[in-house]
Amino acid sequence: MDRYPAAPAWRIQEWLNTPTPIELEAQRGKVVVACAFQMLCPGCVRHAIPQLNALHEYFTPRGIVVVGLHTVFEHHAAMTPTSLRAFLHEYRVRCPVGVDETADDGGPVPRTMAAYRMQGTPTLLLVDRLGRLRRQEFGHVPDLSLGAEIMALSLEEADGAPG
């Protein structure tokens, strides 16, 4: 039995900062770094957004997929895609950002957030080349340890063995 579960598909209603939607399944063979955030979350604004920008700038040219997932579970009326566009512009977020789909039952927890059983935001997701969820972390992950972990995943072969 594989010790790492398959990463659930993202349920995205709209993508920003990219001409085409980014399907997680289509990223097989690549390491994926996703940061789930809310624009009104103080920890997201203080830590996750600057880290997301740095990850995108450094790792995207090296073949790592870096995305933001705007997953809103509170203050729904204030955090619309229009507001998010202004936020992304103001904070110079250039990476693709997916807007998590609202819950089928009309509840507060959006679909991707529910699929991953996230505790809140920010939440970091690391997916390996085989599409396995290698890390899910609620809260801030220090830059140095995160960078080392991403590099280690990038050096693994497509079968999950060190390269």
N, C-alpha and C. Protein backbone atom coordinates (compact mmCIF):
# COMPACT_ATOMS: atom_id res chain seq x y z
N MET A 1 0.84 -1.19 0.00
CA MET A 1 0.00 0.00 0.00
C MET A 1 0.88 1.25 0.00
N ASP A 2 0.53 2.21 -0.85
CA ASP A 2 1.27 3.45 -0.95
C ASP A 2 1.03 4.30 0.30
N ARG A 3 2.08 4.83 0.88
CA ARG A 3 1.91 5.62 2.10
C ARG A 3 1.39 7.02 1.84
N TYR A 4 1.39 7.45 0.60
CA TYR A 4 0.90 8.78 0.26
C TYR A 4 -0.38 8.65 -0.55
N PRO A 5 -1.44 9.33 -0.13
CA PRO A 5 -2.71 9.25 -0.87
C PRO A 5 -2.67 10.09 -2.15
N ALA A 6 -3.52 9.72 -3.08
CA ALA A 6 -3.68 10.53 -4.28
C ALA A 6 -4.27 11.89 -3.87
N ALA A 7 -3.76 12.94 -4.47
CA ALA A 7 -4.29 14.27 -4.18
C ALA A 7 -5.65 14.42 -4.84
N PRO A 8 -6.68 14.83 -4.09
CA PRO A 8 -8.00 15.03 -4.68
C PRO A 8 -7.95 16.10 -5.78
N ALA A 9 -8.83 15.95 -6.76
CA ALA A 9 -8.94 16.95 -7.83
C ALA A 9 -9.38 18.29 -7.23
N TRP A 10 -8.92 19.37 -7.85
CA TRP A 10 -9.38 20.69 -7.44
C TRP A 10 -10.73 20.94 -8.07
N ARG A 11 -11.62 21.60 -7.37
CA ARG A 11 -12.95 21.98 -7.89
C ARG A 11 -12.96 23.50 -7.99
N ILE A 12 -12.64 24.00 -9.17
CA ILE A 12 -12.41 25.43 -9.37
C ILE A 12 -13.51 26.02 -10.25
N GLN A 13 -14.09 27.12 -9.80
CA GLN A 13 -15.14 27.77 -10.59
C GLN A 13 -14.57 28.76 -11.60
N GLU A 14 -13.38 29.28 -11.32
CA GLU A 14 -12.78 30.27 -12.21
C GLU A 14 -11.28 30.34 -11.94
N TRP A 15 -10.49 30.48 -13.00
CA TRP A 15 -9.04 30.66 -12.88
C TRP A 15 -8.68 32.09 -13.23
N LEU A 16 -7.79 32.67 -12.47
CA LEU A 16 -7.26 34.01 -12.73
C LEU A 16 -5.75 33.89 -12.98
N ASN A 17 -5.21 34.83 -13.70
CA ASN A 17 -3.77 34.89 -14.02
C ASN A 17 -3.30 33.73 -14.90
N THR A 18 -4.18 33.11 -15.63
CA THR A 18 -3.79 32.05 -16.57
C THR A 18 -4.82 32.01 -17.69
N PRO A 19 -4.37 31.80 -18.93
CA PRO A 19 -5.33 31.76 -20.05
C PRO A 19 -6.16 30.47 -20.07
N THR A 20 -5.67 29.42 -19.44
CA THR A 20 -6.38 28.15 -19.47
C THR A 20 -6.47 27.56 -18.05
N PRO A 21 -7.52 26.81 -17.77
CA PRO A 21 -7.64 26.18 -16.46
C PRO A 21 -6.49 25.21 -16.20
N ILE A 22 -6.15 25.04 -14.94
CA ILE A 22 -5.09 24.12 -14.55
C ILE A 22 -5.74 22.94 -13.82
N GLU A 23 -5.76 21.81 -14.48
CA GLU A 23 -6.31 20.59 -13.87
C GLU A 23 -5.16 19.86 -13.18
N LEU A 24 -5.37 19.47 -11.94
CA LEU A 24 -4.32 18.80 -11.19
C LEU A 24 -3.88 17.51 -11.88
N GLU A 25 -4.82 16.74 -12.38
CA GLU A 25 -4.50 15.47 -13.06
C GLU A 25 -3.56 15.69 -14.24
N ALA A 26 -3.71 16.80 -14.93
CA ALA A 26 -2.88 17.10 -16.10
C ALA A 26 -1.44 17.47 -15.72
N GLN A 27 -1.17 17.65 -14.44
CA GLN A 27 0.17 18.04 -13.99
C GLN A 27 1.05 16.85 -13.63
N ARG A 28 0.55 15.62 -13.87
CA ARG A 28 1.36 14.43 -13.57
C ARG A 28 2.71 14.57 -14.24
N GLY A 29 3.75 14.15 -13.54
CA GLY A 29 5.11 14.30 -14.04
C GLY A 29 5.78 15.58 -13.54
N LYS A 30 4.99 16.45 -12.89
CA LYS A 30 5.52 17.70 -12.34
C LYS A 30 5.22 17.76 -10.85
N VAL A 31 6.06 18.45 -10.13
CA VAL A 31 5.79 18.76 -8.72
C VAL A 31 4.84 19.95 -8.70
N VAL A 32 3.84 19.89 -7.82
CA VAL A 32 2.85 20.96 -7.70
C VAL A 32 2.87 21.51 -6.28
N VAL A 33 2.93 22.83 -6.19
CA VAL A 33 2.84 23.53 -4.91
C VAL A 33 1.59 24.40 -4.98
N ALA A 34 0.67 24.19 -4.04
CA ALA A 34 -0.55 24.99 -4.01
C ALA A 34 -0.69 25.61 -2.63
N CYS A 35 -1.10 26.85 -2.61
CA CYS A 35 -1.35 27.56 -1.36
C CYS A 35 -2.80 27.98 -1.34
N ALA A 36 -3.57 27.40 -0.40
CA ALA A 36 -4.96 27.80 -0.20
C ALA A 36 -4.96 29.01 0.73
N PHE A 37 -5.67 30.06 0.31
CA PHE A 37 -5.68 31.30 1.08
C PHE A 37 -7.02 31.98 0.96
N GLN A 38 -7.23 32.97 1.84
CA GLN A 38 -8.35 33.90 1.74
C GLN A 38 -7.76 35.30 1.80
N MET A 39 -8.30 36.20 1.00
CA MET A 39 -7.71 37.54 0.97
C MET A 39 -7.95 38.32 2.26
N LEU A 40 -8.91 37.93 3.10
CA LEU A 40 -9.13 38.62 4.37
C LEU A 40 -8.51 37.88 5.56
N CYS A 41 -7.67 36.92 5.30
CA CYS A 41 -6.99 36.15 6.34
C CYS A 41 -5.67 36.85 6.68
N PRO A 42 -5.50 37.34 7.91
CA PRO A 42 -4.25 38.05 8.26
C PRO A 42 -2.99 37.20 8.05
N GLY A 43 -3.01 35.92 8.41
CA GLY A 43 -1.85 35.06 8.20
C GLY A 43 -1.54 34.86 6.73
N CYS A 44 -2.58 34.85 5.92
CA CYS A 44 -2.38 34.71 4.48
C CYS A 44 -1.71 35.95 3.91
N VAL A 45 -2.21 37.11 4.29
CA VAL A 45 -1.66 38.37 3.78
C VAL A 45 -0.23 38.57 4.28
N ARG A 46 0.02 38.27 5.54
CA ARG A 46 1.33 38.50 6.15
C ARG A 46 2.37 37.48 5.68
N HIS A 47 1.98 36.21 5.58
CA HIS A 47 2.97 35.16 5.32
C HIS A 47 2.75 34.42 3.99
N ALA A 48 1.55 33.93 3.77
CA ALA A 48 1.32 33.04 2.63
C ALA A 48 1.44 33.74 1.28
N ILE A 49 0.91 34.93 1.15
CA ILE A 49 0.96 35.62 -0.15
C ILE A 49 2.40 35.99 -0.52
N PRO A 50 3.19 36.58 0.38
CA PRO A 50 4.59 36.83 0.01
C PRO A 50 5.34 35.54 -0.32
N GLN A 51 5.05 34.47 0.42
CA GLN A 51 5.71 33.19 0.15
C GLN A 51 5.26 32.63 -1.20
N LEU A 52 3.97 32.72 -1.49
CA LEU A 52 3.45 32.26 -2.78
C LEU A 52 4.13 33.02 -3.93
N ASN A 53 4.26 34.32 -3.79
CA ASN A 53 4.93 35.12 -4.83
C ASN A 53 6.39 34.68 -5.01
N ALA A 54 7.09 34.45 -3.90
CA ALA A 54 8.50 34.03 -3.99
C ALA A 54 8.61 32.63 -4.60
N LEU A 55 7.73 31.73 -4.21
CA LEU A 55 7.74 30.38 -4.79
C LEU A 55 7.51 30.43 -6.29
N HIS A 56 6.54 31.21 -6.70
CA HIS A 56 6.23 31.33 -8.13
C HIS A 56 7.42 31.89 -8.90
N GLU A 57 8.03 32.93 -8.37
CA GLU A 57 9.16 33.56 -9.05
C GLU A 57 10.35 32.61 -9.18
N TYR A 58 10.64 31.87 -8.12
CA TYR A 58 11.81 31.01 -8.13
C TYR A 58 11.57 29.66 -8.80
N PHE A 59 10.46 29.00 -8.49
CA PHE A 59 10.27 27.61 -8.92
C PHE A 59 9.58 27.44 -10.27
N THR A 60 8.74 28.35 -10.69
CA THR A 60 8.06 28.18 -11.97
C THR A 60 9.05 28.04 -13.13
N PRO A 61 10.11 28.86 -13.22
CA PRO A 61 11.08 28.68 -14.31
C PRO A 61 11.82 27.34 -14.23
N ARG A 62 11.75 26.68 -13.09
CA ARG A 62 12.42 25.39 -12.90
C ARG A 62 11.47 24.20 -13.09
N GLY A 63 10.30 24.46 -13.65
CA GLY A 63 9.37 23.39 -13.98
C GLY A 63 8.42 22.97 -12.87
N ILE A 64 8.42 23.68 -11.76
CA ILE A 64 7.49 23.39 -10.66
C ILE A 64 6.21 24.19 -10.91
N VAL A 65 5.07 23.56 -10.73
CA VAL A 65 3.78 24.24 -10.88
C VAL A 65 3.43 24.88 -9.55
N VAL A 66 3.22 26.19 -9.55
CA VAL A 66 2.88 26.93 -8.33
C VAL A 66 1.55 27.64 -8.57
N VAL A 67 0.58 27.37 -7.70
CA VAL A 67 -0.74 27.98 -7.85
C VAL A 67 -1.27 28.43 -6.49
N GLY A 68 -2.16 29.38 -6.54
CA GLY A 68 -2.94 29.78 -5.37
C GLY A 68 -4.34 29.22 -5.50
N LEU A 69 -4.95 28.89 -4.40
CA LEU A 69 -6.34 28.43 -4.36
C LEU A 69 -7.09 29.35 -3.40
N HIS A 70 -7.96 30.18 -3.95
CA HIS A 70 -8.72 31.08 -3.08
C HIS A 70 -9.94 30.31 -2.58
N THR A 71 -9.87 29.89 -1.34
CA THR A 71 -10.89 29.02 -0.77
C THR A 71 -11.57 29.76 0.38
N VAL A 72 -12.77 30.23 0.11
CA VAL A 72 -13.48 31.12 1.02
C VAL A 72 -14.48 30.34 1.87
N PHE A 73 -14.30 30.38 3.18
CA PHE A 73 -15.23 29.70 4.07
C PHE A 73 -15.89 30.66 5.06
N GLU A 74 -15.64 31.95 4.91
CA GLU A 74 -16.27 32.98 5.74
C GLU A 74 -16.26 34.29 4.96
N HIS A 75 -17.10 35.22 5.35
CA HIS A 75 -17.19 36.54 4.70
C HIS A 75 -17.40 36.41 3.18
N HIS A 76 -18.27 35.49 2.79
CA HIS A 76 -18.49 35.20 1.37
C HIS A 76 -18.86 36.43 0.55
N ALA A 77 -19.71 37.29 1.09
CA ALA A 77 -20.17 38.45 0.33
C ALA A 77 -19.04 39.42 0.00
N ALA A 78 -18.02 39.46 0.84
CA ALA A 78 -16.91 40.40 0.62
C ALA A 78 -15.84 39.85 -0.30
N MET A 79 -15.74 38.53 -0.40
CA MET A 79 -14.62 37.93 -1.14
C MET A 79 -15.08 37.35 -2.48
N THR A 80 -15.49 38.24 -3.34
CA THR A 80 -15.96 37.87 -4.67
C THR A 80 -14.78 37.80 -5.64
N PRO A 81 -14.98 37.18 -6.81
CA PRO A 81 -13.92 37.20 -7.81
C PRO A 81 -13.48 38.62 -8.21
N THR A 82 -14.40 39.57 -8.21
CA THR A 82 -14.04 40.95 -8.52
C THR A 82 -13.09 41.51 -7.46
N SER A 83 -13.42 41.28 -6.19
CA SER A 83 -12.54 41.72 -5.11
C SER A 83 -11.20 41.01 -5.18
N LEU A 84 -11.23 39.72 -5.52
CA LEU A 84 -10.00 38.94 -5.61
C LEU A 84 -9.09 39.48 -6.71
N ARG A 85 -9.66 39.86 -7.84
CA ARG A 85 -8.84 40.44 -8.92
C ARG A 85 -8.09 41.68 -8.42
N ALA A 86 -8.78 42.55 -7.70
CA ALA A 86 -8.14 43.76 -7.16
C ALA A 86 -7.07 43.38 -6.16
N PHE A 87 -7.34 42.40 -5.30
CA PHE A 87 -6.37 41.93 -4.31
C PHE A 87 -5.11 41.38 -5.00
N LEU A 88 -5.29 40.55 -6.01
CA LEU A 88 -4.15 39.96 -6.72
C LEU A 88 -3.30 41.05 -7.38
N HIS A 89 -3.95 42.06 -7.93
CA HIS A 89 -3.23 43.17 -8.53
C HIS A 89 -2.45 43.95 -7.46
N GLU A 90 -3.13 44.26 -6.36
CA GLU A 90 -2.52 45.05 -5.28
C GLU A 90 -1.32 44.34 -4.66
N TYR A 91 -1.42 43.02 -4.49
CA TYR A 91 -0.33 42.26 -3.85
C TYR A 91 0.61 41.62 -4.87
N ARG A 92 0.45 42.01 -6.13
CA ARG A 92 1.32 41.57 -7.22
C ARG A 92 1.44 40.05 -7.31
N VAL A 93 0.31 39.38 -7.15
CA VAL A 93 0.27 37.92 -7.27
C VAL A 93 0.17 37.61 -8.76
N ARG A 94 1.19 36.96 -9.30
CA ARG A 94 1.26 36.68 -10.74
C ARG A 94 0.96 35.21 -11.07
N CYS A 95 1.03 34.35 -10.08
CA CYS A 95 0.80 32.93 -10.36
C CYS A 95 -0.69 32.68 -10.62
N PRO A 96 -1.01 31.56 -11.27
CA PRO A 96 -2.42 31.22 -11.45
C PRO A 96 -3.12 31.05 -10.10
N VAL A 97 -4.35 31.55 -10.03
CA VAL A 97 -5.15 31.42 -8.81
C VAL A 97 -6.52 30.88 -9.19
N GLY A 98 -6.87 29.77 -8.58
CA GLY A 98 -8.18 29.17 -8.79
C GLY A 98 -9.13 29.57 -7.67
N VAL A 99 -10.37 29.88 -8.05
CA VAL A 99 -11.41 30.21 -7.08
C VAL A 99 -12.18 28.93 -6.77
N ASP A 100 -12.07 28.47 -5.55
CA ASP A 100 -12.70 27.23 -5.12
C ASP A 100 -14.22 27.30 -5.31
N GLU A 101 -14.80 26.20 -5.82
CA GLU A 101 -16.26 26.13 -6.03
C GLU A 101 -17.00 26.14 -4.70
N THR A 102 -18.15 26.80 -4.69
CA THR A 102 -18.98 26.80 -3.50
C THR A 102 -19.56 25.40 -3.27
N ALA A 103 -19.91 25.13 -2.04
CA ALA A 103 -20.44 23.82 -1.67
C ALA A 103 -21.76 23.54 -2.37
N ASP A 104 -21.98 22.28 -2.72
CA ASP A 104 -23.24 21.87 -3.35
C ASP A 104 -24.44 22.17 -2.48
N ASP A 105 -24.27 21.99 -1.18
CA ASP A 105 -25.39 22.17 -0.25
C ASP A 105 -25.56 23.61 0.20
N GLY A 106 -24.78 24.52 -0.38
CA GLY A 106 -24.88 25.92 0.00
C GLY A 106 -24.18 26.24 1.31
N GLY A 107 -23.48 25.26 1.88
CA GLY A 107 -22.76 25.46 3.13
C GLY A 107 -21.56 26.37 2.95
N PRO A 108 -20.90 26.71 4.06
CA PRO A 108 -19.80 27.68 3.99
C PRO A 108 -18.48 27.11 3.47
N VAL A 109 -18.29 25.80 3.52
CA VAL A 109 -16.99 25.22 3.15
C VAL A 109 -17.00 24.86 1.66
N PRO A 110 -16.11 25.48 0.87
CA PRO A 110 -16.08 25.20 -0.56
C PRO A 110 -15.55 23.79 -0.86
N ARG A 111 -15.73 23.36 -2.10
CA ARG A 111 -15.54 21.96 -2.47
C ARG A 111 -14.09 21.46 -2.37
N THR A 112 -13.12 22.23 -2.84
CA THR A 112 -11.73 21.78 -2.74
C THR A 112 -11.30 21.74 -1.27
N MET A 113 -11.68 22.74 -0.54
CA MET A 113 -11.35 22.77 0.89
C MET A 113 -11.93 21.54 1.59
N ALA A 114 -13.15 21.18 1.26
CA ALA A 114 -13.79 20.00 1.86
C ALA A 114 -13.10 18.72 1.43
N ALA A 115 -12.73 18.63 0.15
CA ALA A 115 -12.09 17.41 -0.36
C ALA A 115 -10.77 17.14 0.35
N TYR A 116 -10.05 18.19 0.70
CA TYR A 116 -8.77 18.05 1.39
C TYR A 116 -8.92 18.08 2.92
N ARG A 117 -10.14 18.32 3.38
CA ARG A 117 -10.41 18.43 4.82
C ARG A 117 -9.49 19.47 5.48
N MET A 118 -9.37 20.61 4.81
CA MET A 118 -8.52 21.69 5.33
C MET A 118 -9.11 22.23 6.63
N GLN A 119 -8.22 22.61 7.53
CA GLN A 119 -8.63 23.19 8.82
C GLN A 119 -8.87 24.69 8.71
N GLY A 120 -8.33 25.31 7.70
CA GLY A 120 -8.44 26.75 7.52
C GLY A 120 -7.40 27.22 6.53
N THR A 121 -7.14 28.52 6.58
CA THR A 121 -6.13 29.11 5.69
C THR A 121 -5.13 29.88 6.54
N PRO A 122 -3.89 29.95 6.04
CA PRO A 122 -3.38 29.32 4.82
C PRO A 122 -3.14 27.82 5.02
N THR A 123 -3.27 27.10 3.92
CA THR A 123 -2.93 25.69 3.89
C THR A 123 -2.04 25.44 2.68
N LEU A 124 -0.92 24.79 2.93
CA LEU A 124 0.03 24.45 1.88
C LEU A 124 -0.21 23.01 1.43
N LEU A 125 -0.18 22.78 0.13
CA LEU A 125 -0.30 21.44 -0.44
C LEU A 125 0.91 21.19 -1.33
N LEU A 126 1.58 20.06 -1.12
CA LEU A 126 2.67 19.63 -1.99
C LEU A 126 2.27 18.31 -2.63
N VAL A 127 2.30 18.28 -3.96
CA VAL A 127 1.91 17.10 -4.73
C VAL A 127 3.11 16.65 -5.54
N ASP A 128 3.44 15.36 -5.46
CA ASP A 128 4.62 14.87 -6.18
C ASP A 128 4.28 14.56 -7.65
N ARG A 129 5.28 14.11 -8.38
CA ARG A 129 5.14 13.84 -9.81
C ARG A 129 4.10 12.76 -10.14
N LEU A 130 3.80 11.92 -9.15
CA LEU A 130 2.81 10.85 -9.34
C LEU A 130 1.41 11.28 -8.94
N GLY A 131 1.25 12.53 -8.55
CA GLY A 131 -0.06 13.03 -8.16
C GLY A 131 -0.44 12.68 -6.73
N ARG A 132 0.57 12.35 -5.93
CA ARG A 132 0.31 11.99 -4.53
C ARG A 132 0.49 13.21 -3.63
N LEU A 133 -0.39 13.34 -2.67
CA LEU A 133 -0.30 14.43 -1.69
C LEU A 133 0.81 14.10 -0.70
N ARG A 134 1.91 14.80 -0.82
CA ARG A 134 3.07 14.51 0.02
C ARG A 134 3.08 15.34 1.30
N ARG A 135 2.45 16.50 1.26
CA ARG A 135 2.36 17.31 2.47
C ARG A 135 1.15 18.21 2.39
N GLN A 136 0.47 18.31 3.51
CA GLN A 136 -0.61 19.28 3.69
C GLN A 136 -0.39 19.90 5.05
N GLU A 137 -0.21 21.22 5.06
CA GLU A 137 0.14 21.89 6.30
C GLU A 137 -0.71 23.14 6.49
N PHE A 138 -1.42 23.18 7.59
CA PHE A 138 -2.20 24.36 7.97
C PHE A 138 -1.28 25.33 8.71
N GLY A 139 -1.27 26.57 8.28
CA GLY A 139 -0.41 27.57 8.90
C GLY A 139 0.84 27.82 8.08
N HIS A 140 1.71 28.59 8.62
CA HIS A 140 2.93 29.00 7.90
C HIS A 140 4.00 27.92 7.97
N VAL A 141 4.63 27.66 6.84
CA VAL A 141 5.78 26.76 6.76
C VAL A 141 7.00 27.65 6.49
N PRO A 142 8.04 27.56 7.30
CA PRO A 142 9.22 28.41 7.08
C PRO A 142 9.79 28.25 5.66
N ASP A 143 10.20 29.36 5.09
CA ASP A 143 10.68 29.39 3.71
C ASP A 143 11.80 28.40 3.44
N LEU A 144 12.80 28.36 4.29
CA LEU A 144 13.96 27.52 4.04
C LEU A 144 13.58 26.04 4.02
N SER A 145 12.81 25.60 4.98
CA SER A 145 12.42 24.18 5.00
C SER A 145 11.49 23.85 3.83
N LEU A 146 10.60 24.78 3.47
CA LEU A 146 9.71 24.54 2.33
C LEU A 146 10.50 24.45 1.03
N GLY A 147 11.44 25.36 0.83
CA GLY A 147 12.26 25.32 -0.37
C GLY A 147 13.04 24.02 -0.49
N ALA A 148 13.60 23.56 0.64
CA ALA A 148 14.34 22.30 0.64
C ALA A 148 13.42 21.13 0.31
N GLU A 149 12.22 21.15 0.85
CA GLU A 149 11.28 20.06 0.59
C GLU A 149 10.83 20.03 -0.88
N ILE A 150 10.60 21.19 -1.45
CA ILE A 150 10.23 21.27 -2.86
C ILE A 150 11.37 20.77 -3.74
N MET A 151 12.59 21.18 -3.41
CA MET A 151 13.75 20.72 -4.19
C MET A 151 13.90 19.21 -4.09
N ALA A 152 13.72 18.64 -2.90
CA ALA A 152 13.81 17.19 -2.75
C ALA A 152 12.77 16.49 -3.61
N LEU A 153 11.55 17.00 -3.64
CA LEU A 153 10.51 16.41 -4.49
C LEU A 153 10.89 16.55 -5.97
N SER A 154 11.48 17.67 -6.33
CA SER A 154 11.83 17.88 -7.74
C SER A 154 12.94 16.95 -8.20
N LEU A 155 13.76 16.46 -7.25
CA LEU A 155 14.85 15.56 -7.61
C LEU A 155 14.43 14.10 -7.64
N GLU A 156 13.23 13.80 -7.17
CA GLU A 156 12.74 12.43 -7.26
C GLU A 156 12.40 12.09 -8.69
N GLU A 157 12.63 10.86 -9.04
CA GLU A 157 12.22 10.37 -10.37
C GLU A 157 10.71 10.25 -10.41
N ALA A 158 10.15 10.03 -11.56
CA ALA A 158 8.69 9.91 -11.71
C ALA A 158 8.13 8.71 -10.95
N ASP A 159 8.97 7.76 -10.55
CA ASP A 159 8.47 6.61 -9.78
C ASP A 159 8.53 6.87 -8.28
N GLY A 160 8.93 8.10 -7.87
CA GLY A 160 8.98 8.44 -6.46
C GLY A 160 10.31 8.14 -5.80
N ALA A 161 11.24 7.54 -6.52
CA ALA A 161 12.55 7.21 -5.96
C ALA A 161 13.49 8.41 -6.17
N PRO A 162 14.46 8.58 -5.30
CA PRO A 162 15.43 9.68 -5.49
C PRO A 162 16.11 9.56 -6.84
N GLY A 163 16.34 10.73 -7.46
CA GLY A 163 16.92 10.77 -8.80
C GLY A 163 18.37 10.59 -8.88
